């Protein structure tokens, strides 16, 4: 079963048009009250922020320069210390106990010719 469309009656056609009541308004129509644009407020806030940021960056750069200068001074000090250490200084001659030469108790080694198997092979080949 299909729904049947029923239109309501248009009451706006017969009603009186809207007329504003100008006497009831409190403000005169020609005067505009003083106002402040948000862009002006944001511009002031941004200027304050930019100044604070600039001061902060200057402080950081000053601290960085001081640290860099201190590091360079420390490196120079270490370099001078290292160069001072590298300078050659004469060493005194060391005194040792005198060396005593003793005669050995062992008998001298008796020389013996080696008996290699090569000699036997050579003899067999020539025979």
PDB file of N, CA and C in Angstrom:
ATOM      1  N   UNK A   1       0.826  -1.168   0.000  1.00  0.00           N
ATOM      2  CA  UNK A   1       0.000   0.000   0.000  1.00  0.00           C
ATOM      3  C   UNK A   1       0.884   1.250   0.000  1.00  0.00           C
ATOM      4  N   UNK A   2       0.595   2.173  -0.865  1.00  0.00           N
ATOM      5  CA  UNK A   2       1.397   3.366  -1.000  1.00  0.00           C
ATOM      6  C   UNK A   2       0.880   4.437  -0.045  1.00  0.00           C
ATOM      7  N   UNK A   3       1.865   5.274   0.455  1.00  0.00           N
ATOM      8  CA  UNK A   3       1.473   6.390   1.303  1.00  0.00           C
ATOM      9  C   UNK A   3       0.909   7.501   0.435  1.00  0.00           C
ATOM     10  N   UNK A   4      -0.090   8.140   0.933  1.00  0.00           N
ATOM     11  CA  UNK A   4      -0.722   9.183   0.162  1.00  0.00           C
ATOM     12  C   UNK A   4      -0.220  10.540   0.637  1.00  0.00           C
ATOM     13  N   UNK A   5       0.203  11.403  -0.284  1.00  0.00           N
ATOM     14  CA  UNK A   5       0.762  12.707   0.042  1.00  0.00           C
ATOM     15  C   UNK A   5      -0.369  13.691   0.280  1.00  0.00           C
ATOM     16  N   UNK A   6      -0.285  14.386   1.439  1.00  0.00           N
ATOM     17  CA  UNK A   6      -1.276  15.400   1.752  1.00  0.00           C
ATOM     18  C   UNK A   6      -0.525  16.680   2.084  1.00  0.00           C
ATOM     19  N   UNK A   7      -0.681  17.712   1.300  1.00  0.00           N
ATOM     20  CA  UNK A   7      -0.006  18.986   1.509  1.00  0.00           C
ATOM     21  C   UNK A   7      -0.799  19.821   2.500  1.00  0.00           C
ATOM     22  N   UNK A   8      -0.062  20.581   3.336  1.00  0.00           N
ATOM     23  CA  UNK A   8      -0.722  21.481   4.274  1.00  0.00           C
ATOM     24  C   UNK A   8      -0.980  22.823   3.587  1.00  0.00           C
ATOM     25  N   UNK A   9      -1.832  23.551   4.146  1.00  0.00           N
ATOM     26  CA  UNK A   9      -2.190  24.833   3.578  1.00  0.00           C
ATOM     27  C   UNK A   9      -1.073  25.841   3.827  1.00  0.00           C
ATOM     28  N   UNK A  10      -0.735  26.717   2.849  1.00  0.00           N
ATOM     29  CA  UNK A  10       0.324  27.707   2.952  1.00  0.00           C
ATOM     30  C   UNK A  10      -0.244  28.950   3.628  1.00  0.00           C
ATOM     31  N   UNK A  11       0.105  29.159   4.919  1.00  0.00           N
ATOM     32  CA  UNK A  11      -0.416  30.291   5.673  1.00  0.00           C
ATOM     33  C   UNK A  11       0.384  31.563   5.435  1.00  0.00           C
ATOM     34  N   UNK A  12       1.612  31.465   4.898  1.00  0.00           N
ATOM     35  CA  UNK A  12       2.458  32.644   4.701  1.00  0.00           C
ATOM     36  C   UNK A  12       1.931  33.557   3.611  1.00  0.00           C
ATOM     37  N   UNK A  13       1.129  33.071   2.749  1.00  0.00           N
ATOM     38  CA  UNK A  13       0.604  33.878   1.644  1.00  0.00           C
ATOM     39  C   UNK A  13      -0.362  34.924   2.169  1.00  0.00           C
ATOM     40  N   UNK A  14      -1.087  34.581   3.192  1.00  0.00           N
ATOM     41  CA  UNK A  14      -2.128  35.470   3.695  1.00  0.00           C
ATOM     42  C   UNK A  14      -1.647  36.349   4.848  1.00  0.00           C
ATOM     43  N   UNK A  15      -0.467  36.078   5.430  1.00  0.00           N
ATOM     44  CA  UNK A  15       0.033  36.840   6.584  1.00  0.00           C
ATOM     45  C   UNK A  15       0.637  38.155   6.123  1.00  0.00           C
ATOM     46  N   UNK A  16       0.668  39.141   7.065  1.00  0.00           N
ATOM     47  CA  UNK A  16       1.277  40.432   6.783  1.00  0.00           C
ATOM     48  C   UNK A  16       2.800  40.271   6.724  1.00  0.00           C
ATOM     49  N   UNK A  17       3.511  41.028   5.845  1.00  0.00           N
ATOM     50  CA  UNK A  17       4.979  40.922   5.796  1.00  0.00           C
ATOM     51  C   UNK A  17       5.626  41.500   7.054  1.00  0.00           C
ATOM     52  N   UNK A  18       6.859  41.092   7.324  1.00  0.00           N
ATOM     53  CA  UNK A  18       7.588  41.534   8.523  1.00  0.00           C
ATOM     54  C   UNK A  18       8.001  42.984   8.358  1.00  0.00           C
ATOM     55  N   UNK A  19       7.728  43.776   9.381  1.00  0.00           N
ATOM     56  CA  UNK A  19       8.127  45.185   9.407  1.00  0.00           C
ATOM     57  C   UNK A  19       8.883  45.386  10.719  1.00  0.00           C
ATOM     58  N   UNK A  20      10.150  45.823  10.650  1.00  0.00           N
ATOM     59  CA  UNK A  20      10.890  46.010  11.908  1.00  0.00           C
ATOM     60  C   UNK A  20      10.361  47.209  12.687  1.00  0.00           C
ATOM     61  N   UNK A  21      10.377  47.097  13.996  1.00  0.00           N
ATOM     62  CA  UNK A  21       9.930  48.171  14.867  1.00  0.00           C
ATOM     63  C   UNK A  21      11.146  49.042  15.178  1.00  0.00           C
ATOM     64  N   UNK A  22      11.284  50.149  14.450  1.00  0.00           N
ATOM     65  CA  UNK A  22      12.451  51.010  14.599  1.00  0.00           C
ATOM     66  C   UNK A  22      12.404  51.822  15.886  1.00  0.00           C
ATOM     67  N   UNK A  23      11.277  52.043  16.412  1.00  0.00           N
ATOM     68  CA  UNK A  23      11.173  52.815  17.647  1.00  0.00           C
ATOM     69  C   UNK A  23      11.664  52.010  18.841  1.00  0.00           C
ATOM     70  N   UNK A  24      11.610  50.698  18.762  1.00  0.00           N
ATOM     71  CA  UNK A  24      12.004  49.857  19.887  1.00  0.00           C
ATOM     72  C   UNK A  24      13.521  49.687  19.998  1.00  0.00           C
ATOM     73  N   UNK A  25      14.234  50.036  18.955  1.00  0.00           N
ATOM     74  CA  UNK A  25      15.698  49.868  19.019  1.00  0.00           C
ATOM     75  C   UNK A  25      16.292  50.938  19.908  1.00  0.00           C
ATOM     76  N   UNK A  26      17.278  50.626  20.647  1.00  0.00           N
ATOM     77  CA  UNK A  26      17.892  51.536  21.600  1.00  0.00           C
ATOM     78  C   UNK A  26      18.980  52.396  20.957  1.00  0.00           C
ATOM     79  N   UNK A  27      19.698  51.851  19.970  1.00  0.00           N
ATOM     80  CA  UNK A  27      20.810  52.568  19.343  1.00  0.00           C
ATOM     81  C   UNK A  27      20.319  53.286  18.100  1.00  0.00           C
ATOM     82  N   UNK A  28      20.861  54.471  17.849  1.00  0.00           N
ATOM     83  CA  UNK A  28      20.544  55.111  16.573  1.00  0.00           C
ATOM     84  C   UNK A  28      21.216  54.347  15.444  1.00  0.00           C
ATOM     85  N   UNK A  29      20.608  54.332  14.293  1.00  0.00           N
ATOM     86  CA  UNK A  29      21.106  53.523  13.182  1.00  0.00           C
ATOM     87  C   UNK A  29      22.408  54.043  12.589  1.00  0.00           C
ATOM     88  N   UNK A  30      22.712  55.296  12.613  1.00  0.00           N
ATOM     89  CA  UNK A  30      23.886  55.852  11.952  1.00  0.00           C
ATOM     90  C   UNK A  30      25.178  55.720  12.739  1.00  0.00           C
ATOM     91  N   UNK A  31      25.125  55.475  14.040  1.00  0.00           N
ATOM     92  CA  UNK A  31      26.350  55.423  14.850  1.00  0.00           C
ATOM     93  C   UNK A  31      26.893  54.005  14.920  1.00  0.00           C
ATOM     94  N   UNK A  32      28.215  53.937  14.772  1.00  0.00           N
ATOM     95  CA  UNK A  32      28.903  52.637  14.874  1.00  0.00           C
ATOM     96  C   UNK A  32      29.749  52.683  16.139  1.00  0.00           C
ATOM     97  N   UNK A  33      29.562  51.737  17.057  1.00  0.00           N
ATOM     98  CA  UNK A  33      30.363  51.752  18.289  1.00  0.00           C
ATOM     99  C   UNK A  33      31.833  51.459  17.980  1.00  0.00           C
ATOM    100  N   UNK A  34      32.701  51.905  18.863  1.00  0.00           N
ATOM    101  CA  UNK A  34      34.142  51.647  18.684  1.00  0.00           C
ATOM    102  C   UNK A  34      34.395  50.141  18.814  1.00  0.00           C
ATOM    103  N   UNK A  35      35.246  49.655  17.964  1.00  0.00           N
ATOM    104  CA  UNK A  35      35.559  48.219  18.009  1.00  0.00           C
ATOM    105  C   UNK A  35      37.046  48.025  17.718  1.00  0.00           C
ATOM    106  N   UNK A  36      37.528  46.850  18.028  1.00  0.00           N
ATOM    107  CA  UNK A  36      38.939  46.527  17.826  1.00  0.00           C
ATOM    108  C   UNK A  36      39.014  45.222  17.047  1.00  0.00           C
ATOM    109  N   UNK A  37      39.730  45.277  15.938  1.00  0.00           N
ATOM    110  CA  UNK A  37      39.843  44.077  15.106  1.00  0.00           C
ATOM    111  C   UNK A  37      40.773  43.062  15.759  1.00  0.00           C
ATOM    112  N   UNK A  38      40.472  41.807  15.570  1.00  0.00           N
ATOM    113  CA  UNK A  38      41.300  40.742  16.123  1.00  0.00           C
ATOM    114  C   UNK A  38      42.698  40.753  15.499  1.00  0.00           C
ATOM    115  N   UNK A  39      42.806  41.208  14.255  1.00  0.00           N
ATOM    116  CA  UNK A  39      44.127  41.258  13.611  1.00  0.00           C
ATOM    117  C   UNK A  39      45.041  42.244  14.335  1.00  0.00           C
ATOM    118  N   UNK A  40      44.461  43.350  14.855  1.00  0.00           N
ATOM    119  CA  UNK A  40      45.272  44.304  15.615  1.00  0.00           C
ATOM    120  C   UNK A  40      45.765  43.685  16.920  1.00  0.00           C
ATOM    121  N   UNK A  41      44.886  42.973  17.592  1.00  0.00           N
ATOM    122  CA  UNK A  41      45.268  42.304  18.850  1.00  0.00           C
ATOM    123  C   UNK A  41      46.356  41.268  18.580  1.00  0.00           C
ATOM    124  N   UNK A  42      46.166  40.466  17.521  1.00  0.00           N
ATOM    125  CA  UNK A  42      47.156  39.433  17.172  1.00  0.00           C
ATOM    126  C   UNK A  42      48.490  40.056  16.776  1.00  0.00           C
ATOM    127  N   UNK A  43      48.452  41.213  16.092  1.00  0.00           N
ATOM    128  CA  UNK A  43      49.693  41.880  15.694  1.00  0.00           C
ATOM    129  C   UNK A  43      50.481  42.317  16.931  1.00  0.00           C
ATOM    130  N   UNK A  44      49.783  42.846  17.937  1.00  0.00           N
ATOM    131  CA  UNK A  44      50.465  43.237  19.172  1.00  0.00           C
ATOM    132  C   UNK A  44      51.046  42.032  19.896  1.00  0.00           C
ATOM    133  N   UNK A  45      50.265  40.958  19.995  1.00  0.00           N
ATOM    134  CA  UNK A  45      50.749  39.733  20.647  1.00  0.00           C
ATOM    135  C   UNK A  45      51.960  39.170  19.904  1.00  0.00           C
ATOM    136  N   UNK A  46      51.884  39.205  18.575  1.00  0.00           N
ATOM    137  CA  UNK A  46      52.987  38.668  17.760  1.00  0.00           C
ATOM    138  C   UNK A  46      54.247  39.509  17.940  1.00  0.00           C
ATOM    139  N   UNK A  47      54.096  40.838  18.044  1.00  0.00           N
ATOM    140  CA  UNK A  47      55.255  41.705  18.247  1.00  0.00           C
ATOM    141  C   UNK A  47      55.931  41.400  19.588  1.00  0.00           C
ATOM    142  N   UNK A  48      55.118  41.184  20.629  1.00  0.00           N
ATOM    143  CA  UNK A  48      55.675  40.832  21.950  1.00  0.00           C
ATOM    144  C   UNK A  48      56.399  39.494  21.865  1.00  0.00           C
ATOM    145  N   UNK A  49      55.772  38.535  21.187  1.00  0.00           N
ATOM    146  CA  UNK A  49      56.382  37.204  21.031  1.00  0.00           C
ATOM    147  C   UNK A  49      57.702  37.285  20.255  1.00  0.00           C
ATOM    148  N   UNK A  50      57.710  38.043  19.158  1.00  0.00           N
ATOM    149  CA  UNK A  50      58.925  38.171  18.339  1.00  0.00           C
ATOM    150  C   UNK A  50      60.058  38.800  19.150  1.00  0.00           C
ATOM    151  N   UNK A  51      59.757  39.792  19.954  1.00  0.00           N
ATOM    152  CA  UNK A  51      60.783  40.436  20.782  1.00  0.00           C
ATOM    153  C   UNK A  51      61.355  39.447  21.801  1.00  0.00           C
ATOM    154  N   UNK A  52      60.463  38.685  22.458  1.00  0.00           N
ATOM    155  CA  UNK A  52      60.929  37.684  23.428  1.00  0.00           C
ATOM    156  C   UNK A  52      61.786  36.621  22.743  1.00  0.00           C
ATOM    157  N   UNK A  53      61.367  36.216  21.553  1.00  0.00           N
ATOM    158  CA  UNK A  53      62.123  35.206  20.807  1.00  0.00           C
ATOM    159  C   UNK A  53      63.499  35.743  20.411  1.00  0.00           C
ATOM    160  N   UNK A  54      63.564  36.999  19.980  1.00  0.00           N
ATOM    161  CA  UNK A  54      64.831  37.608  19.591  1.00  0.00           C
ATOM    162  C   UNK A  54      65.784  37.687  20.788  1.00  0.00           C
ATOM    163  N   UNK A  55      65.252  38.102  21.949  1.00  0.00           N
ATOM    164  CA  UNK A  55      66.081  38.170  23.158  1.00  0.00           C
ATOM    165  C   UNK A  55      66.594  36.792  23.555  1.00  0.00           C
ATOM    166  N   UNK A  56      65.724  35.791  23.450  1.00  0.00           N
ATOM    167  CA  UNK A  56      66.129  34.416  23.791  1.00  0.00           C
ATOM    168  C   UNK A  56      67.237  33.918  22.857  1.00  0.00           C
ATOM    169  N   UNK A  57      67.088  34.182  21.559  1.00  0.00           N
ATOM    170  CA  UNK A  57      68.098  33.740  20.595  1.00  0.00           C
ATOM    171  C   UNK A  57      69.426  34.462  20.819  1.00  0.00           C
ATOM    172  N   UNK A  58      69.371  35.759  21.150  1.00  0.00           N
ATOM    173  CA  UNK A  58      70.600  36.492  21.449  1.00  0.00           C
ATOM    174  C   UNK A  58      71.297  35.903  22.669  1.00  0.00           C
ATOM    175  N   UNK A  59      70.525  35.552  23.682  1.00  0.00           N
ATOM    176  CA  UNK A  59      71.098  34.936  24.888  1.00  0.00           C
ATOM    177  C   UNK A  59      71.739  33.593  24.556  1.00  0.00           C
ATOM    178  N   UNK A  60      71.059  32.806  23.737  1.00  0.00           N
ATOM    179  CA  UNK A  60      71.615  31.504  23.334  1.00  0.00           C
ATOM    180  C   UNK A  60      72.908  31.685  22.554  1.00  0.00           C
ATOM    181  N   UNK A  61      72.947  32.654  21.644  1.00  0.00           N
ATOM    182  CA  UNK A  61      74.161  32.898  20.869  1.00  0.00           C
ATOM    183  C   UNK A  61      75.300  33.364  21.767  1.00  0.00           C
ATOM    184  N   UNK A  62      74.993  34.198  22.757  1.00  0.00           N
ATOM    185  CA  UNK A  62      76.022  34.663  23.681  1.00  0.00           C
ATOM    186  C   UNK A  62      76.580  33.495  24.499  1.00  0.00           C
ATOM    187  N   UNK A  63      75.703  32.636  24.995  1.00  0.00           N
ATOM    188  CA  UNK A  63      76.143  31.465  25.768  1.00  0.00           C
ATOM    189  C   UNK A  63      76.969  30.536  24.885  1.00  0.00           C
ATOM    190  N   UNK A  64      76.521  30.336  23.645  1.00  0.00           N
ATOM    191  CA  UNK A  64      77.252  29.477  22.711  1.00  0.00           C
ATOM    192  C   UNK A  64      78.644  30.038  22.431  1.00  0.00           C
ATOM    193  N   UNK A  65      78.746  31.368  22.254  1.00  0.00           N
ATOM    194  CA  UNK A  65      80.046  31.993  21.994  1.00  0.00           C
ATOM    195  C   UNK A  65      80.967  31.840  23.201  1.00  0.00           C
ATOM    196  N   UNK A  66      80.424  31.996  24.418  1.00  0.00           N
ATOM    197  CA  UNK A  66      81.236  31.824  25.621  1.00  0.00           C
ATOM    198  C   UNK A  66      81.741  30.387  25.748  1.00  0.00           C
ATOM    199  N   UNK A  67      80.865  29.427  25.483  1.00  0.00           N
ATOM    200  CA  UNK A  67      81.272  28.017  25.561  1.00  0.00           C
ATOM    201  C   UNK A  67      82.337  27.697  24.523  1.00  0.00           C
ATOM    202  N   UNK A  68      82.162  28.241  23.321  1.00  0.00           N
ATOM    203  CA  UNK A  68      83.137  28.001  22.259  1.00  0.00           C
ATOM    204  C   UNK A  68      84.489  28.609  22.618  1.00  0.00           C
ATOM    205  N   UNK A  69      84.471  29.806  23.170  1.00  0.00           N
ATOM    206  CA  UNK A  69      85.713  30.463  23.572  1.00  0.00           C
ATOM    207  C   UNK A  69      86.409  29.671  24.678  1.00  0.00           C
ATOM    208  N   UNK A  70      85.639  29.193  25.639  1.00  0.00           N
ATOM    209  CA  UNK A  70      86.198  28.386  26.733  1.00  0.00           C
ATOM    210  C   UNK A  70      86.793  27.091  26.201  1.00  0.00           C
ATOM    211  N   UNK A  71      86.112  26.461  25.247  1.00  0.00           N
ATOM    212  CA  UNK A  71      86.613  25.227  24.648  1.00  0.00           C
ATOM    213  C   UNK A  71      87.919  25.480  23.900  1.00  0.00           C
ATOM    214  N   UNK A  72      88.002  26.592  23.165  1.00  0.00           N
ATOM    215  CA  UNK A  72      89.237  26.918  22.442  1.00  0.00           C
ATOM    216  C   UNK A  72      90.388  27.158  23.412  1.00  0.00           C
ATOM    217  N   UNK A  73      90.113  27.862  24.523  1.00  0.00           N
ATOM    218  CA  UNK A  73      91.166  28.084  25.527  1.00  0.00           C
ATOM    219  C   UNK A  73      91.648  26.756  26.114  1.00  0.00           C
ATOM    220  N   UNK A  74      90.712  25.849  26.393  1.00  0.00           N
ATOM    221  CA  UNK A  74      91.078  24.542  26.955  1.00  0.00           C
ATOM    222  C   UNK A  74      91.912  23.746  25.954  1.00  0.00           C
ATOM    223  N   UNK A  75      91.529  23.786  24.672  1.00  0.00           N
ATOM    224  CA  UNK A  75      92.300  23.083  23.643  1.00  0.00           C
ATOM    225  C   UNK A  75      93.702  23.670  23.524  1.00  0.00           C
ATOM    226  N   UNK A  76      93.834  24.998  23.593  1.00  0.00           N
ATOM    227  CA  UNK A  76      95.152  25.640  23.535  1.00  0.00           C
ATOM    228  C   UNK A  76      96.005  25.217  24.732  1.00  0.00           C
ATOM    229  N   UNK A  77      95.390  25.158  25.913  1.00  0.00           N
ATOM    230  CA  UNK A  77      96.124  24.752  27.109  1.00  0.00           C
ATOM    231  C   UNK A  77      96.613  23.309  26.970  1.00  0.00           C
ATOM    232  N   UNK A  78      95.733  22.422  26.482  1.00  0.00           N
ATOM    233  CA  UNK A  78      96.121  21.027  26.300  1.00  0.00           C
ATOM    234  C   UNK A  78      97.224  20.889  25.251  1.00  0.00           C
ATOM    235  N   UNK A  79      97.144  21.681  24.173  1.00  0.00           N
ATOM    236  CA  UNK A  79      98.159  21.638  23.133  1.00  0.00           C
ATOM    237  C   UNK A  79      99.512  22.086  23.685  1.00  0.00           C
ATOM    238  N   UNK A  80      99.541  23.164  24.464  1.00  0.00           N
ATOM    239  CA  UNK A  80     100.800  23.633  25.056  1.00  0.00           C
ATOM    240  C   UNK A  80     101.376  22.587  26.009  1.00  0.00           C
ATOM    241  N   UNK A  81     100.503  21.959  26.789  1.00  0.00           N
ATOM    242  CA  UNK A  81     100.948  20.920  27.718  1.00  0.00           C
ATOM    243  C   UNK A  81     101.523  19.725  26.952  1.00  0.00           C
ATOM    244  N   UNK A  82     100.863  19.344  25.867  1.00  0.00           N
ATOM    245  CA  UNK A  82     101.326  18.221  25.048  1.00  0.00           C
ATOM    246  C   UNK A  82     102.671  18.540  24.411  1.00  0.00           C
ATOM    247  N   UNK A  83     102.824  19.775  23.881  1.00  0.00           N
ATOM    248  CA  UNK A  83     104.096  20.164  23.266  1.00  0.00           C
ATOM    249  C   UNK A  83     105.220  20.192  24.298  1.00  0.00           C
ATOM    250  N   UNK A  84     104.895  20.641  25.488  1.00  0.00           N
ATOM    251  CA  UNK A  84     105.897  20.677  26.561  1.00  0.00           C
ATOM    252  C   UNK A  84     106.346  19.256  26.907  1.00  0.00           C
ATOM    253  N   UNK A  85     105.392  18.319  26.868  1.00  0.00           N
ATOM    254  CA  UNK A  85     105.715  16.932  27.199  1.00  0.00           C
ATOM    255  C   UNK A  85     106.564  16.289  26.093  1.00  0.00           C
ATOM    256  N   UNK A  86     106.371  16.739  24.832  1.00  0.00           N
ATOM    257  CA  UNK A  86     107.094  16.144  23.711  1.00  0.00           C
ATOM    258  C   UNK A  86     108.549  16.585  23.625  1.00  0.00           C
ATOM    259  N   UNK A  87     108.931  17.641  24.339  1.00  0.00           N
ATOM    260  CA  UNK A  87     110.317  18.122  24.287  1.00  0.00           C
ATOM    261  C   UNK A  87     111.232  17.048  24.871  1.00  0.00           C
ATOM    262  N   UNK A  88     112.330  16.761  24.134  1.00  0.00           N
ATOM    263  CA  UNK A  88     113.239  15.704  24.560  1.00  0.00           C
ATOM    264  C   UNK A  88     114.115  16.199  25.705  1.00  0.00           C
ATOM    265  N   UNK A  89     114.207  15.405  26.745  1.00  0.00           N
ATOM    266  CA  UNK A  89     115.085  15.709  27.880  1.00  0.00           C
ATOM    267  C   UNK A  89     116.091  14.577  27.996  1.00  0.00           C
ATOM    268  N   UNK A  90     117.359  14.931  28.242  1.00  0.00           N
ATOM    269  CA  UNK A  90     118.418  13.923  28.342  1.00  0.00           C
ATOM    270  C   UNK A  90     118.178  13.039  29.566  1.00  0.00           C
ATOM    271  N   UNK A  91     118.438  11.756  29.369  1.00  0.00           N
ATOM    272  CA  UNK A  91     118.293  10.800  30.456  1.00  0.00           C
ATOM    273  C   UNK A  91     119.680  10.499  31.034  1.00  0.00           C
ATOM    274  N   UNK A  92     119.803  10.361  32.327  1.00  0.00           N
ATOM    275  CA  UNK A  92     121.119  10.057  32.904  1.00  0.00           C
ATOM    276  C   UNK A  92     121.559   8.641  32.527  1.00  0.00           C
ATOM    277  N   UNK A  93     122.901   8.447  32.464  1.00  0.00           N
ATOM    278  CA  UNK A  93     123.442   7.126  32.137  1.00  0.00           C
ATOM    279  C   UNK A  93     123.179   6.212  33.327  1.00  0.00           C
ATOM    280  N   UNK A  94     122.651   5.059  33.059  1.00  0.00           N
ATOM    281  CA  UNK A  94     122.313   4.143  34.144  1.00  0.00           C
ATOM    282  C   UNK A  94     123.550   3.364  34.587  1.00  0.00           C
ATOM    283  N   UNK A  95     123.603   3.112  35.853  1.00  0.00           N
ATOM    284  CA  UNK A  95     124.727   2.372  36.440  1.00  0.00           C
ATOM    285  C   UNK A  95     124.237   0.963  36.777  1.00  0.00           C
ATOM    286  N   UNK A  96     124.891  -0.027  36.144  1.00  0.00           N
ATOM    287  CA  UNK A  96     124.534  -1.423  36.403  1.00  0.00           C
ATOM    288  C   UNK A  96     125.651  -2.089  37.190  1.00  0.00           C
ATOM    289  N   UNK A  97     125.348  -3.247  37.777  1.00  0.00           N
ATOM    290  CA  UNK A  97     126.384  -4.018  38.467  1.00  0.00           C
ATOM    291  C   UNK A  97     127.368  -4.541  37.416  1.00  0.00           C
ATOM    292  N   UNK A  98     128.617  -4.611  37.757  1.00  0.00           N
ATOM    293  CA  UNK A  98     129.584  -5.133  36.782  1.00  0.00           C
ATOM    294  C   UNK A  98     129.292  -6.602  36.469  1.00  0.00           C
ATOM    295  N   UNK A  99     129.555  -6.973  35.234  1.00  0.00           N
ATOM    296  CA  UNK A  99     129.269  -8.321  34.767  1.00  0.00           C
ATOM    297  C   UNK A  99     130.431  -9.250  35.093  1.00  0.00           C
ATOM    298  N   UNK A 100     130.153 -10.338  35.798  1.00  0.00           N
ATOM    299  CA  UNK A 100     131.193 -11.320  36.140  1.00  0.00           C
ATOM    300  C   UNK A 100     131.086 -12.489  35.174  1.00  0.00           C
ATOM    301  N   UNK A 101     132.196 -12.830  34.531  1.00  0.00           N
ATOM    302  CA  UNK A 101     132.210 -13.938  33.591  1.00  0.00           C
ATOM    303  C   UNK A 101     132.733 -15.165  34.333  1.00  0.00           C
ATOM    304  N   UNK A 102     131.940 -16.255  34.354  1.00  0.00           N
ATOM    305  CA  UNK A 102     132.326 -17.493  35.048  1.00  0.00           C
ATOM    306  C   UNK A 102     132.641 -18.556  34.018  1.00  0.00           C
ATOM    307  N   UNK A 103     133.528 -19.446  34.400  1.00  0.00           N
ATOM    308  CA  UNK A 103     133.853 -20.567  33.550  1.00  0.00           C
ATOM    309  C   UNK A 103     132.771 -21.630  33.721  1.00  0.00           C
ATOM    310  N   UNK A 104     132.387 -22.264  32.622  1.00  0.00           N
ATOM    311  CA  UNK A 104     131.316 -23.248  32.663  1.00  0.00           C
ATOM    312  C   UNK A 104     131.789 -24.549  33.263  1.00  0.00           C
ATOM    313  N   UNK A 105     130.900 -25.232  33.967  1.00  0.00           N
ATOM    314  CA  UNK A 105     131.196 -26.535  34.580  1.00  0.00           C
ATOM    315  C   UNK A 105     130.939 -27.665  33.597  1.00  0.00           C
ATOM    316  N   UNK A 106     130.234 -27.416  32.510  1.00  0.00           N
ATOM    317  CA  UNK A 106     129.875 -28.467  31.556  1.00  0.00           C
ATOM    318  C   UNK A 106     131.041 -28.754  30.627  1.00  0.00           C
ATOM    319  N   UNK A 107     131.065 -29.982  30.173  1.00  0.00           N
ATOM    320  CA  UNK A 107     132.105 -30.389  29.224  1.00  0.00           C
ATOM    321  C   UNK A 107     131.746 -29.877  27.835  1.00  0.00           C
ATOM    322  N   UNK A 108     132.761 -29.688  26.991  1.00  0.00           N
ATOM    323  CA  UNK A 108     132.509 -29.241  25.637  1.00  0.00           C
ATOM    324  C   UNK A 108     131.808 -30.317  24.829  1.00  0.00           C
ATOM    325  N   UNK A 109     131.048 -29.935  23.858  1.00  0.00           N
ATOM    326  CA  UNK A 109     130.318 -30.868  23.010  1.00  0.00           C
ATOM    327  C   UNK A 109     131.278 -31.483  22.013  1.00  0.00           C
ATOM    328  N   UNK A 110     131.221 -32.833  21.896  1.00  0.00           N
ATOM    329  CA  UNK A 110     132.076 -33.537  20.934  1.00  0.00           C
ATOM    330  C   UNK A 110     131.395 -33.507  19.577  1.00  0.00           C
ATOM    331  N   UNK A 111     132.095 -33.038  18.523  1.00  0.00           N
ATOM    332  CA  UNK A 111     131.460 -32.976  17.210  1.00  0.00           C
ATOM    333  C   UNK A 111     131.304 -34.357  16.596  1.00  0.00           C
ATOM    334  N   UNK A 112     130.113 -34.624  16.017  1.00  0.00           N
ATOM    335  CA  UNK A 112     129.832 -35.896  15.355  1.00  0.00           C
ATOM    336  C   UNK A 112     129.176 -35.545  14.026  1.00  0.00           C
ATOM    337  N   UNK A 113     129.662 -36.159  12.951  1.00  0.00           N
ATOM    338  CA  UNK A 113     129.092 -35.903  11.634  1.00  0.00           C
ATOM    339  C   UNK A 113     127.702 -36.526  11.564  1.00  0.00           C
ATOM    340  N   UNK A 114     126.796 -35.889  10.895  1.00  0.00           N
ATOM    341  CA  UNK A 114     125.450 -36.464  10.795  1.00  0.00           C
ATOM    342  C   UNK A 114     125.432 -37.658   9.864  1.00  0.00           C
ATOM    343  N   UNK A 115     124.614 -38.631  10.194  1.00  0.00           N
ATOM    344  CA  UNK A 115     124.509 -39.840   9.395  1.00  0.00           C
ATOM    345  C   UNK A 115     123.143 -39.812   8.705  1.00  0.00           C
ATOM    346  N   UNK A 116     123.084 -39.153   7.529  1.00  0.00           N
ATOM    347  CA  UNK A 116     121.825 -39.021   6.794  1.00  0.00           C
ATOM    348  C   UNK A 116     121.608 -40.230   5.913  1.00  0.00           C
ATOM    349  N   UNK A 117     120.380 -40.558   5.639  1.00  0.00           N
ATOM    350  CA  UNK A 117     120.031 -41.665   4.760  1.00  0.00           C
ATOM    351  C   UNK A 117     120.382 -41.319   3.311  1.00  0.00           C
ATOM    352  N   UNK A 118     120.576 -40.061   3.027  1.00  0.00           N
ATOM    353  CA  UNK A 118     120.903 -39.626   1.669  1.00  0.00           C
ATOM    354  C   UNK A 118     122.256 -40.185   1.247  1.00  0.00           C
ATOM    355  N   UNK A 119     123.170 -40.206   2.193  1.00  0.00           N
ATOM    356  CA  UNK A 119     124.511 -40.712   1.877  1.00  0.00           C
ATOM    357  C   UNK A 119     124.448 -42.163   1.397  1.00  0.00           C
ATOM    358  N   UNK A 120     123.642 -42.982   2.036  1.00  0.00           N
ATOM    359  CA  UNK A 120     123.522 -44.392   1.656  1.00  0.00           C
ATOM    360  C   UNK A 120     122.920 -44.522   0.268  1.00  0.00           C
ATOM    361  N   UNK A 121     121.926 -43.721  -0.048  1.00  0.00           N
ATOM    362  CA  UNK A 121     121.307 -43.786  -1.373  1.00  0.00           C
ATOM    363  C   UNK A 121     122.289 -43.377  -2.463  1.00  0.00           C
ATOM    364  N   UNK A 122     123.074 -42.355  -2.179  1.00  0.00           N
ATOM    365  CA  UNK A 122     124.056 -41.911  -3.169  1.00  0.00           C
ATOM    366  C   UNK A 122     125.105 -42.993  -3.433  1.00  0.00           C
ATOM    367  N   UNK A 123     125.493 -43.661  -2.371  1.00  0.00           N
ATOM    368  CA  UNK A 123     126.489 -44.732  -2.527  1.00  0.00           C
ATOM    369  C   UNK A 123     125.898 -45.881  -3.349  1.00  0.00           C
ATOM    370  N   UNK A 124     124.667 -46.211  -3.142  1.00  0.00           N
ATOM    371  CA  UNK A 124     124.047 -47.311  -3.871  1.00  0.00           C
ATOM    372  C   UNK A 124     123.891 -46.966  -5.346  1.00  0.00           C
ATOM    373  N   UNK A 125     123.622 -45.738  -5.639  1.00  0.00           N
ATOM    374  CA  UNK A 125     123.439 -45.336  -7.054  1.00  0.00           C
ATOM    375  C   UNK A 125     124.750 -45.395  -7.812  1.00  0.00           C
ATOM    376  N   UNK A 126     125.868 -45.087  -7.207  1.00  0.00           N
ATOM    377  CA  UNK A 126     127.150 -45.079  -7.889  1.00  0.00           C
ATOM    378  C   UNK A 126     127.743 -46.469  -8.007  1.00  0.00           C
ATOM    379  N   UNK A 127     127.271 -47.374  -7.257  1.00  0.00           N
ATOM    380  CA  UNK A 127     127.835 -48.741  -7.320  1.00  0.00           C
ATOM    381  C   UNK A 127     127.351 -49.534  -8.464  1.00  0.00           C
TER     382      UNK A 127
END
